[in-house]
Amino acid sequence: MLDSVPKKIRDKVRNSPDYQKGKKDIQKFREAKTEINRRGLNLNINKDLVVAAGIVVALVGVAYFAPAFLPGFLALV
C-alpha cells in the first residue's frame, strides 16, 4: 500500500514527532493489553472492565475512549 508513496515522503512522515508519539502510544496500548491478558480479566464482566480501563489509563496516561469500547479497541491493538 505504501509502496506507491515516494521513499522521501515516507521517511519524512516516519520521522515526524506525531508519528513517533503515535508509535509510542501504540506500544503502551500493547503493554496494557498484555497486562490485561496476564491478569486474565474477562471484559464482559463490569468489574473486570473497570480494572482493564484503569490499567489502560495507568499505562497510557489518558483515556481516549469510553470504557464500553475497550474490548473492541483492544482487539485492534
PDB file of N, CA and C in Angstrom:
ATOM      1  N   MET A   1       0.824  -1.188   0.000  1.00  0.00           N
ATOM      2  CA  MET A   1       0.000   0.000   0.000  1.00  0.00           C
ATOM      3  C   MET A   1       0.872   1.256   0.000  1.00  0.00           C
ATOM      4  N   LEU A   2       1.877   1.272   0.846  1.00  0.00           N
ATOM      5  CA  LEU A   2       2.742   2.446   0.898  1.00  0.00           C
ATOM      6  C   LEU A   2       3.844   2.408  -0.152  1.00  0.00           C
ATOM      7  N   ASP A   3       3.905   1.328  -0.920  1.00  0.00           N
ATOM      8  CA  ASP A   3       4.955   1.216  -1.929  1.00  0.00           C
ATOM      9  C   ASP A   3       4.821   2.276  -3.010  1.00  0.00           C
ATOM     10  N   SER A   4       3.605   2.771  -3.231  1.00  0.00           N
ATOM     11  CA  SER A   4       3.407   3.782  -4.268  1.00  0.00           C
ATOM     12  C   SER A   4       3.794   5.183  -3.789  1.00  0.00           C
ATOM     13  N   VAL A   5       4.020   5.342  -2.486  1.00  0.00           N
ATOM     14  CA  VAL A   5       4.421   6.640  -1.928  1.00  0.00           C
ATOM     15  C   VAL A   5       5.940   6.743  -2.017  1.00  0.00           C
ATOM     16  N   PRO A   6       6.442   7.868  -2.513  1.00  0.00           N
ATOM     17  CA  PRO A   6       7.899   8.023  -2.616  1.00  0.00           C
ATOM     18  C   PRO A   6       8.594   7.856  -1.259  1.00  0.00           C
ATOM     19  N   LYS A   7       9.768   7.227  -1.273  1.00  0.00           N
ATOM     20  CA  LYS A   7      10.523   6.934  -0.053  1.00  0.00           C
ATOM     21  C   LYS A   7      10.826   8.197   0.740  1.00  0.00           C
ATOM     22  N   LYS A   8      11.120   9.271   0.061  1.00  0.00           N
ATOM     23  CA  LYS A   8      11.436  10.537   0.731  1.00  0.00           C
ATOM     24  C   LYS A   8      10.256  11.002   1.598  1.00  0.00           C
ATOM     25  N   ILE A   9       9.054  10.858   1.075  1.00  0.00           N
ATOM     26  CA  ILE A   9       7.866  11.277   1.825  1.00  0.00           C
ATOM     27  C   ILE A   9       7.603  10.313   2.980  1.00  0.00           C
ATOM     28  N   ARG A  10       7.751   8.998   2.739  1.00  0.00           N
ATOM     29  CA  ARG A  10       7.571   8.018   3.820  1.00  0.00           C
ATOM     30  C   ARG A  10       8.535   8.290   4.964  1.00  0.00           C
ATOM     31  N   ASP A  11       9.796   8.560   4.630  1.00  0.00           N
ATOM     32  CA  ASP A  11      10.792   8.837   5.669  1.00  0.00           C
ATOM     33  C   ASP A  11      10.454  10.103   6.442  1.00  0.00           C
ATOM     34  N   LYS A  12       9.966  11.114   5.730  1.00  0.00           N
ATOM     35  CA  LYS A  12       9.617  12.371   6.388  1.00  0.00           C
ATOM     36  C   LYS A  12       8.463  12.152   7.380  1.00  0.00           C
ATOM     37  N   VAL A  13       7.479  11.371   6.963  1.00  0.00           N
ATOM     38  CA  VAL A  13       6.343  11.087   7.848  1.00  0.00           C
ATOM     39  C   VAL A  13       6.799  10.258   9.044  1.00  0.00           C
ATOM     40  N   ARG A  14       7.599   9.236   8.798  1.00  0.00           N
ATOM     41  CA  ARG A  14       8.055   8.359   9.887  1.00  0.00           C
ATOM     42  C   ARG A  14       8.932   9.089  10.895  1.00  0.00           C
ATOM     43  N   ASN A  15       9.582  10.139  10.484  1.00  0.00           N
ATOM     44  CA  ASN A  15      10.442  10.902  11.387  1.00  0.00           C
ATOM     45  C   ASN A  15       9.713  12.057  12.061  1.00  0.00           C
ATOM     46  N   SER A  16       8.446  12.268  11.721  1.00  0.00           N
ATOM     47  CA  SER A  16       7.707  13.384  12.313  1.00  0.00           C
ATOM     48  C   SER A  16       7.395  13.088  13.781  1.00  0.00           C
ATOM     49  N   PRO A  17       7.323  14.118  14.610  1.00  0.00           N
ATOM     50  CA  PRO A  17       7.030  13.925  16.042  1.00  0.00           C
ATOM     51  C   PRO A  17       5.676  13.251  16.282  1.00  0.00           C
ATOM     52  N   ASP A  18       4.672  13.595  15.476  1.00  0.00           N
ATOM     53  CA  ASP A  18       3.352  12.987  15.660  1.00  0.00           C
ATOM     54  C   ASP A  18       3.394  11.486  15.399  1.00  0.00           C
ATOM     55  N   TYR A  19       4.105  11.073  14.376  1.00  0.00           N
ATOM     56  CA  TYR A  19       4.222   9.654  14.050  1.00  0.00           C
ATOM     57  C   TYR A  19       4.944   8.914  15.171  1.00  0.00           C
ATOM     58  N   GLN A  20       6.023   9.501  15.669  1.00  0.00           N
ATOM     59  CA  GLN A  20       6.784   8.872  16.754  1.00  0.00           C
ATOM     60  C   GLN A  20       5.937   8.747  18.016  1.00  0.00           C
ATOM     61  N   LYS A  21       5.157   9.796  18.328  1.00  0.00           N
ATOM     62  CA  LYS A  21       4.283   9.751  19.503  1.00  0.00           C
ATOM     63  C   LYS A  21       3.226   8.663  19.322  1.00  0.00           C
ATOM     64  N   GLY A  22       2.686   8.561  18.117  1.00  0.00           N
ATOM     65  CA  GLY A  22       1.696   7.523  17.840  1.00  0.00           C
ATOM     66  C   GLY A  22       2.272   6.132  18.028  1.00  0.00           C
ATOM     67  N   LYS A  23       3.513   5.929  17.585  1.00  0.00           N
ATOM     68  CA  LYS A  23       4.166   4.633  17.758  1.00  0.00           C
ATOM     69  C   LYS A  23       4.338   4.308  19.239  1.00  0.00           C
ATOM     70  N   LYS A  24       4.720   5.319  20.033  1.00  0.00           N
ATOM     71  CA  LYS A  24       4.890   5.101  21.472  1.00  0.00           C
ATOM     72  C   LYS A  24       3.552   4.785  22.132  1.00  0.00           C
ATOM     73  N   ASP A  25       2.490   5.490  21.708  1.00  0.00           N
ATOM     74  CA  ASP A  25       1.165   5.231  22.269  1.00  0.00           C
ATOM     75  C   ASP A  25       0.697   3.816  21.945  1.00  0.00           C
ATOM     76  N   ILE A  26       0.934   3.374  20.714  1.00  0.00           N
ATOM     77  CA  ILE A  26       0.542   2.015  20.335  1.00  0.00           C
ATOM     78  C   ILE A  26       1.295   1.000  21.182  1.00  0.00           C
ATOM     79  N   GLN A  27       2.571   1.250  21.427  1.00  0.00           N
ATOM     80  CA  GLN A  27       3.358   0.336  22.262  1.00  0.00           C
ATOM     81  C   GLN A  27       2.799   0.292  23.684  1.00  0.00           C
ATOM     82  N   LYS A  28       2.393   1.446  24.211  1.00  0.00           N
ATOM     83  CA  LYS A  28       1.811   1.482  25.553  1.00  0.00           C
ATOM     84  C   LYS A  28       0.486   0.722  25.593  1.00  0.00           C
ATOM     85  N   PHE A  29      -0.329   0.861  24.529  1.00  0.00           N
ATOM     86  CA  PHE A  29      -1.585   0.120  24.469  1.00  0.00           C
ATOM     87  C   PHE A  29      -1.320  -1.380  24.414  1.00  0.00           C
ATOM     88  N   ARG A  30      -0.295  -1.786  23.690  1.00  0.00           N
ATOM     89  CA  ARG A  30       0.048  -3.211  23.630  1.00  0.00           C
ATOM     90  C   ARG A  30       0.491  -3.716  24.997  1.00  0.00           C
ATOM     91  N   GLU A  31       1.243  -2.892  25.735  1.00  0.00           N
ATOM     92  CA  GLU A  31       1.644  -3.271  27.090  1.00  0.00           C
ATOM     93  C   GLU A  31       0.414  -3.421  27.986  1.00  0.00           C
ATOM     94  N   ALA A  32      -0.545  -2.507  27.821  1.00  0.00           N
ATOM     95  CA  ALA A  32      -1.776  -2.584  28.609  1.00  0.00           C
ATOM     96  C   ALA A  32      -2.541  -3.857  28.268  1.00  0.00           C
ATOM     97  N   LYS A  33      -2.622  -4.189  26.990  1.00  0.00           N
ATOM     98  CA  LYS A  33      -3.320  -5.406  26.576  1.00  0.00           C
ATOM     99  C   LYS A  33      -2.634  -6.642  27.153  1.00  0.00           C
ATOM    100  N   THR A  34      -1.303  -6.641  27.142  1.00  0.00           N
ATOM    101  CA  THR A  34      -0.553  -7.758  27.714  1.00  0.00           C
ATOM    102  C   THR A  34      -0.848  -7.900  29.201  1.00  0.00           C
ATOM    103  N   GLU A  35      -0.892  -6.787  29.917  1.00  0.00           N
ATOM    104  CA  GLU A  35      -1.180  -6.810  31.358  1.00  0.00           C
ATOM    105  C   GLU A  35      -2.597  -7.316  31.619  1.00  0.00           C
ATOM    106  N   ILE A  36      -3.544  -6.887  30.799  1.00  0.00           N
ATOM    107  CA  ILE A  36      -4.930  -7.339  30.956  1.00  0.00           C
ATOM    108  C   ILE A  36      -5.014  -8.842  30.725  1.00  0.00           C
ATOM    109  N   ASN A  37      -4.343  -9.320  29.689  1.00  0.00           N
ATOM    110  CA  ASN A  37      -4.346 -10.762  29.411  1.00  0.00           C
ATOM    111  C   ASN A  37      -3.626 -11.538  30.509  1.00  0.00           C
ATOM    112  N   ARG A  38      -2.542 -10.966  31.051  1.00  0.00           N
ATOM    113  CA  ARG A  38      -1.794 -11.630  32.117  1.00  0.00           C
ATOM    114  C   ARG A  38      -2.664 -11.821  33.355  1.00  0.00           C
ATOM    115  N   ARG A  39      -3.489 -10.834  33.632  1.00  0.00           N
ATOM    116  CA  ARG A  39      -4.368 -10.915  34.804  1.00  0.00           C
ATOM    117  C   ARG A  39      -5.611 -11.766  34.541  1.00  0.00           C
ATOM    118  N   GLY A  40      -5.832 -12.142  33.294  1.00  0.00           N
ATOM    119  CA  GLY A  40      -6.986 -12.972  32.959  1.00  0.00           C
ATOM    120  C   GLY A  40      -8.312 -12.272  33.155  1.00  0.00           C
ATOM    121  N   LEU A  41      -8.367 -10.987  32.846  1.00  0.00           N
ATOM    122  CA  LEU A  41      -9.601 -10.233  33.038  1.00  0.00           C
ATOM    123  C   LEU A  41     -10.617 -10.588  31.956  1.00  0.00           C
ATOM    124  N   ASN A  42     -11.870 -10.750  32.365  1.00  0.00           N
ATOM    125  CA  ASN A  42     -12.975 -11.006  31.444  1.00  0.00           C
ATOM    126  C   ASN A  42     -13.660  -9.672  31.180  1.00  0.00           C
ATOM    127  N   LEU A  43     -13.549  -9.168  29.965  1.00  0.00           N
ATOM    128  CA  LEU A  43     -14.068  -7.843  29.657  1.00  0.00           C
ATOM    129  C   LEU A  43     -15.586  -7.806  29.531  1.00  0.00           C
ATOM    130  N   ASN A  44     -16.246  -8.946  29.687  1.00  0.00           N
ATOM    131  CA  ASN A  44     -17.709  -8.975  29.703  1.00  0.00           C
ATOM    132  C   ASN A  44     -18.251  -8.728  31.106  1.00  0.00           C
ATOM    133  N   ILE A  45     -17.383  -8.759  32.097  1.00  0.00           N
ATOM    134  CA  ILE A  45     -17.770  -8.503  33.484  1.00  0.00           C
ATOM    135  C   ILE A  45     -17.409  -7.051  33.800  1.00  0.00           C
ATOM    136  N   ASN A  46     -18.405  -6.311  34.296  1.00  0.00           N
ATOM    137  CA  ASN A  46     -18.209  -4.873  34.521  1.00  0.00           C
ATOM    138  C   ASN A  46     -17.034  -4.577  35.440  1.00  0.00           C
ATOM    139  N   LYS A  47     -16.879  -5.346  36.502  1.00  0.00           N
ATOM    140  CA  LYS A  47     -15.779  -5.115  37.447  1.00  0.00           C
ATOM    141  C   LYS A  47     -14.433  -5.261  36.739  1.00  0.00           C
ATOM    142  N   ASP A  48     -14.296  -6.317  35.946  1.00  0.00           N
ATOM    143  CA  ASP A  48     -13.048  -6.529  35.208  1.00  0.00           C
ATOM    144  C   ASP A  48     -12.838  -5.451  34.150  1.00  0.00           C
ATOM    145  N   LEU A  49     -13.937  -4.979  33.554  1.00  0.00           N
ATOM    146  CA  LEU A  49     -13.841  -3.923  32.546  1.00  0.00           C
ATOM    147  C   LEU A  49     -13.308  -2.633  33.159  1.00  0.00           C
ATOM    148  N   VAL A  50     -13.748  -2.324  34.379  1.00  0.00           N
ATOM    149  CA  VAL A  50     -13.261  -1.128  35.071  1.00  0.00           C
ATOM    150  C   VAL A  50     -11.776  -1.283  35.404  1.00  0.00           C
ATOM    151  N   VAL A  51     -11.381  -2.467  35.843  1.00  0.00           N
ATOM    152  CA  VAL A  51      -9.967  -2.724  36.139  1.00  0.00           C
ATOM    153  C   VAL A  51      -9.138  -2.590  34.866  1.00  0.00           C
ATOM    154  N   ALA A  52      -9.634  -3.134  33.758  1.00  0.00           N
ATOM    155  CA  ALA A  52      -8.920  -3.049  32.482  1.00  0.00           C
ATOM    156  C   ALA A  52      -8.788  -1.598  32.031  1.00  0.00           C
ATOM    157  N   ALA A  53      -9.854  -0.822  32.179  1.00  0.00           N
ATOM    158  CA  ALA A  53      -9.789   0.596  31.816  1.00  0.00           C
ATOM    159  C   ALA A  53      -8.767   1.315  32.687  1.00  0.00           C
ATOM    160  N   GLY A  54      -8.705   0.966  33.965  1.00  0.00           N
ATOM    161  CA  GLY A  54      -7.711   1.561  34.862  1.00  0.00           C
ATOM    162  C   GLY A  54      -6.294   1.224  34.444  1.00  0.00           C
ATOM    163  N   ILE A  55      -6.077  -0.011  33.997  1.00  0.00           N
ATOM    164  CA  ILE A  55      -4.746  -0.411  33.524  1.00  0.00           C
ATOM    165  C   ILE A  55      -4.359   0.405  32.305  1.00  0.00           C
ATOM    166  N   VAL A  56      -5.302   0.560  31.372  1.00  0.00           N
ATOM    167  CA  VAL A  56      -5.016   1.332  30.158  1.00  0.00           C
ATOM    168  C   VAL A  56      -4.692   2.773  30.515  1.00  0.00           C
ATOM    169  N   VAL A  57      -5.488   3.367  31.390  1.00  0.00           N
ATOM    170  CA  VAL A  57      -5.249   4.763  31.777  1.00  0.00           C
ATOM    171  C   VAL A  57      -3.914   4.893  32.503  1.00  0.00           C
ATOM    172  N   ALA A  58      -3.589   3.929  33.354  1.00  0.00           N
ATOM    173  CA  ALA A  58      -2.331   3.988  34.104  1.00  0.00           C
ATOM    174  C   ALA A  58      -1.125   3.871  33.182  1.00  0.00           C
ATOM    175  N   LEU A  59      -1.187   2.989  32.197  1.00  0.00           N
ATOM    176  CA  LEU A  59      -0.037   2.785  31.316  1.00  0.00           C
ATOM    177  C   LEU A  59       0.048   3.818  30.203  1.00  0.00           C
ATOM    178  N   VAL A  60      -1.098   4.198  29.654  1.00  0.00           N
ATOM    179  CA  VAL A  60      -1.091   5.135  28.532  1.00  0.00           C
ATOM    180  C   VAL A  60      -1.146   6.568  29.034  1.00  0.00           C
ATOM    181  N   GLY A  61      -1.837   6.783  30.123  1.00  0.00           N
ATOM    182  CA  GLY A  61      -1.874   8.110  30.716  1.00  0.00           C
ATOM    183  C   GLY A  61      -3.146   8.873  30.434  1.00  0.00           C
ATOM    184  N   VAL A  62      -3.884   8.491  29.410  1.00  0.00           N
ATOM    185  CA  VAL A  62      -5.098   9.210  29.036  1.00  0.00           C
ATOM    186  C   VAL A  62      -6.110   8.193  28.519  1.00  0.00           C
ATOM    187  N   ALA A  63      -7.372   8.419  28.836  1.00  0.00           N
ATOM    188  CA  ALA A  63      -8.428   7.570  28.279  1.00  0.00           C
ATOM    189  C   ALA A  63      -8.901   8.194  26.973  1.00  0.00           C
ATOM    190  N   TYR A  64      -8.667   7.513  25.882  1.00  0.00           N
ATOM    191  CA  TYR A  64      -9.056   8.020  24.569  1.00  0.00           C
ATOM    192  C   TYR A  64     -10.450   7.565  24.166  1.00  0.00           C
ATOM    193  N   PHE A  65     -11.105   6.771  24.976  1.00  0.00           N
ATOM    194  CA  PHE A  65     -12.349   6.143  24.569  1.00  0.00           C
ATOM    195  C   PHE A  65     -13.198   5.848  25.791  1.00  0.00           C
ATOM    196  N   ALA A  66     -14.465   5.579  25.555  1.00  0.00           N
ATOM    197  CA  ALA A  66     -15.362   5.178  26.636  1.00  0.00           C
ATOM    198  C   ALA A  66     -15.050   3.735  27.019  1.00  0.00           C
ATOM    199  N   PRO A  67     -15.156   3.376  28.293  1.00  0.00           N
ATOM    200  CA  PRO A  67     -14.845   2.005  28.719  1.00  0.00           C
ATOM    201  C   PRO A  67     -15.644   0.936  27.972  1.00  0.00           C
ATOM    202  N   ALA A  68     -16.837   1.274  27.502  1.00  0.00           N
ATOM    203  CA  ALA A  68     -17.645   0.289  26.781  1.00  0.00           C
ATOM    204  C   ALA A  68     -16.975  -0.157  25.489  1.00  0.00           C
ATOM    205  N   PHE A  69     -16.113   0.680  24.938  1.00  0.00           N
ATOM    206  CA  PHE A  69     -15.442   0.346  23.690  1.00  0.00           C
ATOM    207  C   PHE A  69     -14.080  -0.303  23.909  1.00  0.00           C
ATOM    208  N   LEU A  70     -13.699  -0.531  25.159  1.00  0.00           N
ATOM    209  CA  LEU A  70     -12.394  -1.115  25.471  1.00  0.00           C
ATOM    210  C   LEU A  70     -12.181  -2.489  24.833  1.00  0.00           C
ATOM    211  N   PRO A  71     -13.127  -3.426  24.916  1.00  0.00           N
ATOM    212  CA  PRO A  71     -12.877  -4.739  24.301  1.00  0.00           C
ATOM    213  C   PRO A  71     -12.622  -4.650  22.801  1.00  0.00           C
ATOM    214  N   GLY A  72     -13.398  -3.843  22.114  1.00  0.00           N
ATOM    215  CA  GLY A  72     -13.206  -3.695  20.674  1.00  0.00           C
ATOM    216  C   GLY A  72     -11.881  -3.047  20.342  1.00  0.00           C
ATOM    217  N   PHE A  73     -11.489  -2.055  21.128  1.00  0.00           N
ATOM    218  CA  PHE A  73     -10.219  -1.382  20.863  1.00  0.00           C
ATOM    219  C   PHE A  73      -9.048  -2.321  21.102  1.00  0.00           C
ATOM    220  N   LEU A  74      -9.100  -3.077  22.190  1.00  0.00           N
ATOM    221  CA  LEU A  74      -8.000  -3.990  22.491  1.00  0.00           C
ATOM    222  C   LEU A  74      -7.898  -5.107  21.461  1.00  0.00           C
ATOM    223  N   ALA A  75      -9.001  -5.423  20.818  1.00  0.00           N
ATOM    224  CA  ALA A  75      -8.955  -6.427  19.755  1.00  0.00           C
ATOM    225  C   ALA A  75      -8.181  -5.903  18.550  1.00  0.00           C
ATOM    226  N   LEU A  76      -8.177  -4.585  18.363  1.00  0.00           N
ATOM    227  CA  LEU A  76      -7.469  -3.984  17.229  1.00  0.00           C
ATOM    228  C   LEU A  76      -5.984  -3.817  17.485  1.00  0.00           C
ATOM    229  N   VAL A  77      -5.602  -3.660  18.744  1.00  0.00           N
ATOM    230  CA  VAL A  77      -4.195  -3.384  19.065  1.00  0.00           C
ATOM    231  C   VAL A  77      -3.393  -4.654  19.045  1.00  0.00           C
TER     232      VAL A  77
END
